[in-house]
Amino acid sequence: LSMFAEVLYEMLQYQMGCQILAYLQ
């Protein structure tokens, strides 16, 4: 469960980063 949560958090962070980059461009 901990590993799954960590992967989910990484994916969420990556998605937010992509949205921020798309917003800045």
PDB file of N, CA and C in Angstrom:
ATOM      1  N   LEU A   1       0.842  -1.207   0.000  1.00  0.00           N
ATOM      2  CA  LEU A   1       0.000   0.000   0.000  1.00  0.00           C
ATOM      3  C   LEU A   1       0.876   1.255   0.000  1.00  0.00           C
ATOM      4  N   SER A   2       1.933   1.231   0.800  1.00  0.00           N
ATOM      5  CA  SER A   2       2.826   2.385   0.874  1.00  0.00           C
ATOM      6  C   SER A   2       3.481   2.646  -0.484  1.00  0.00           C
ATOM      7  N   MET A   3       3.921   1.559  -1.125  1.00  0.00           N
ATOM      8  CA  MET A   3       4.570   1.683  -2.430  1.00  0.00           C
ATOM      9  C   MET A   3       3.579   2.223  -3.456  1.00  0.00           C
ATOM     10  N   PHE A   4       2.340   1.720  -3.412  1.00  0.00           N
ATOM     11  CA  PHE A   4       1.307   2.183  -4.342  1.00  0.00           C
ATOM     12  C   PHE A   4       1.025   3.671  -4.145  1.00  0.00           C
ATOM     13  N   ALA A   5       0.947   4.085  -2.880  1.00  0.00           N
ATOM     14  CA  ALA A   5       0.682   5.488  -2.574  1.00  0.00           C
ATOM     15  C   ALA A   5       1.828   6.364  -3.080  1.00  0.00           C
ATOM     16  N   GLU A   6       3.048   5.865  -2.947  1.00  0.00           N
ATOM     17  CA  GLU A   6       4.213   6.631  -3.396  1.00  0.00           C
ATOM     18  C   GLU A   6       4.191   6.804  -4.912  1.00  0.00           C
ATOM     19  N   VAL A   7       3.852   5.730  -5.623  1.00  0.00           N
ATOM     20  CA  VAL A   7       3.767   5.797  -7.088  1.00  0.00           C
ATOM     21  C   VAL A   7       2.652   6.750  -7.498  1.00  0.00           C
ATOM     22  N   LEU A   8       1.519   6.678  -6.795  1.00  0.00           N
ATOM     23  CA  LEU A   8       0.388   7.551  -7.106  1.00  0.00           C
ATOM     24  C   LEU A   8       0.781   9.010  -6.883  1.00  0.00           C
ATOM     25  N   TYR A   9       1.517   9.273  -5.797  1.00  0.00           N
ATOM     26  CA  TYR A   9       1.960  10.631  -5.481  1.00  0.00           C
ATOM     27  C   TYR A   9       2.916  11.143  -6.557  1.00  0.00           C
ATOM     28  N   GLU A  10       3.832  10.262  -7.012  1.00  0.00           N
ATOM     29  CA  GLU A  10       4.779  10.644  -8.062  1.00  0.00           C
ATOM     30  C   GLU A  10       4.029  11.008  -9.339  1.00  0.00           C
ATOM     31  N   MET A  11       3.030  10.196  -9.696  1.00  0.00           N
ATOM     32  CA  MET A  11       2.251  10.454 -10.909  1.00  0.00           C
ATOM     33  C   MET A  11       1.503  11.774 -10.797  1.00  0.00           C
ATOM     34  N   LEU A  12       0.943  12.038  -9.606  1.00  0.00           N
ATOM     35  CA  LEU A  12       0.193  13.275  -9.386  1.00  0.00           C
ATOM     36  C   LEU A  12       1.124  14.479  -9.511  1.00  0.00           C
ATOM     37  N   GLN A  13       2.320  14.355  -8.914  1.00  0.00           N
ATOM     38  CA  GLN A  13       3.298  15.434  -8.975  1.00  0.00           C
ATOM     39  C   GLN A  13       3.722  15.683 -10.425  1.00  0.00           C
ATOM     40  N   TYR A  14       3.934  14.597 -11.188  1.00  0.00           N
ATOM     41  CA  TYR A  14       4.337  14.718 -12.589  1.00  0.00           C
ATOM     42  C   TYR A  14       3.243  15.405 -13.404  1.00  0.00           C
ATOM     43  N   GLN A  15       1.993  15.025 -13.152  1.00  0.00           N
ATOM     44  CA  GLN A  15       0.869  15.613 -13.877  1.00  0.00           C
ATOM     45  C   GLN A  15       0.758  17.104 -13.578  1.00  0.00           C
ATOM     46  N   MET A  16       0.926  17.464 -12.303  1.00  0.00           N
ATOM     47  CA  MET A  16       0.851  18.875 -11.917  1.00  0.00           C
ATOM     48  C   MET A  16       1.995  19.659 -12.558  1.00  0.00           C
ATOM     49  N   GLY A  17       3.175  19.053 -12.611  1.00  0.00           N
ATOM     50  CA  GLY A  17       4.323  19.703 -13.231  1.00  0.00           C
ATOM     51  C   GLY A  17       4.068  19.964 -14.704  1.00  0.00           C
ATOM     52  N   CYS A  18       3.464  18.998 -15.384  1.00  0.00           N
ATOM     53  CA  CYS A  18       3.148  19.149 -16.808  1.00  0.00           C
ATOM     54  C   CYS A  18       2.121  20.261 -17.002  1.00  0.00           C
ATOM     55  N   GLN A  19       1.140  20.331 -16.111  1.00  0.00           N
ATOM     56  CA  GLN A  19       0.116  21.372 -16.214  1.00  0.00           C
ATOM     57  C   GLN A  19       0.739  22.747 -16.013  1.00  0.00           C
ATOM     58  N   ILE A  20       1.665  22.852 -15.065  1.00  0.00           N
ATOM     59  CA  ILE A  20       2.331  24.133 -14.798  1.00  0.00           C
ATOM     60  C   ILE A  20       3.165  24.546 -16.012  1.00  0.00           C
ATOM     61  N   LEU A  21       3.883  23.596 -16.605  1.00  0.00           N
ATOM     62  CA  LEU A  21       4.689  23.903 -17.784  1.00  0.00           C
ATOM     63  C   LEU A  21       3.800  24.341 -18.941  1.00  0.00           C
ATOM     64  N   ALA A  22       2.679  23.644 -19.121  1.00  0.00           N
ATOM     65  CA  ALA A  22       1.752  23.991 -20.199  1.00  0.00           C
ATOM     66  C   ALA A  22       1.164  25.379 -19.951  1.00  0.00           C
ATOM     67  N   TYR A  23       0.918  25.715 -18.688  1.00  0.00           N
ATOM     68  CA  TYR A  23       0.349  27.016 -18.335  1.00  0.00           C
ATOM     69  C   TYR A  23       1.360  28.134 -18.601  1.00  0.00           C
ATOM     70  N   LEU A  24       2.631  27.863 -18.313  1.00  0.00           N
ATOM     71  CA  LEU A  24       3.660  28.887 -18.496  1.00  0.00           C
ATOM     72  C   LEU A  24       3.947  29.144 -19.974  1.00  0.00           C
ATOM     73  N   GLN A  25       3.803  28.124 -20.791  1.00  0.00           N
ATOM     74  CA  GLN A  25       4.137  28.284 -22.209  1.00  0.00           C
ATOM     75  C   GLN A  25       3.039  28.993 -22.993  1.00  0.00           C
TER      76      GLN A  25
END
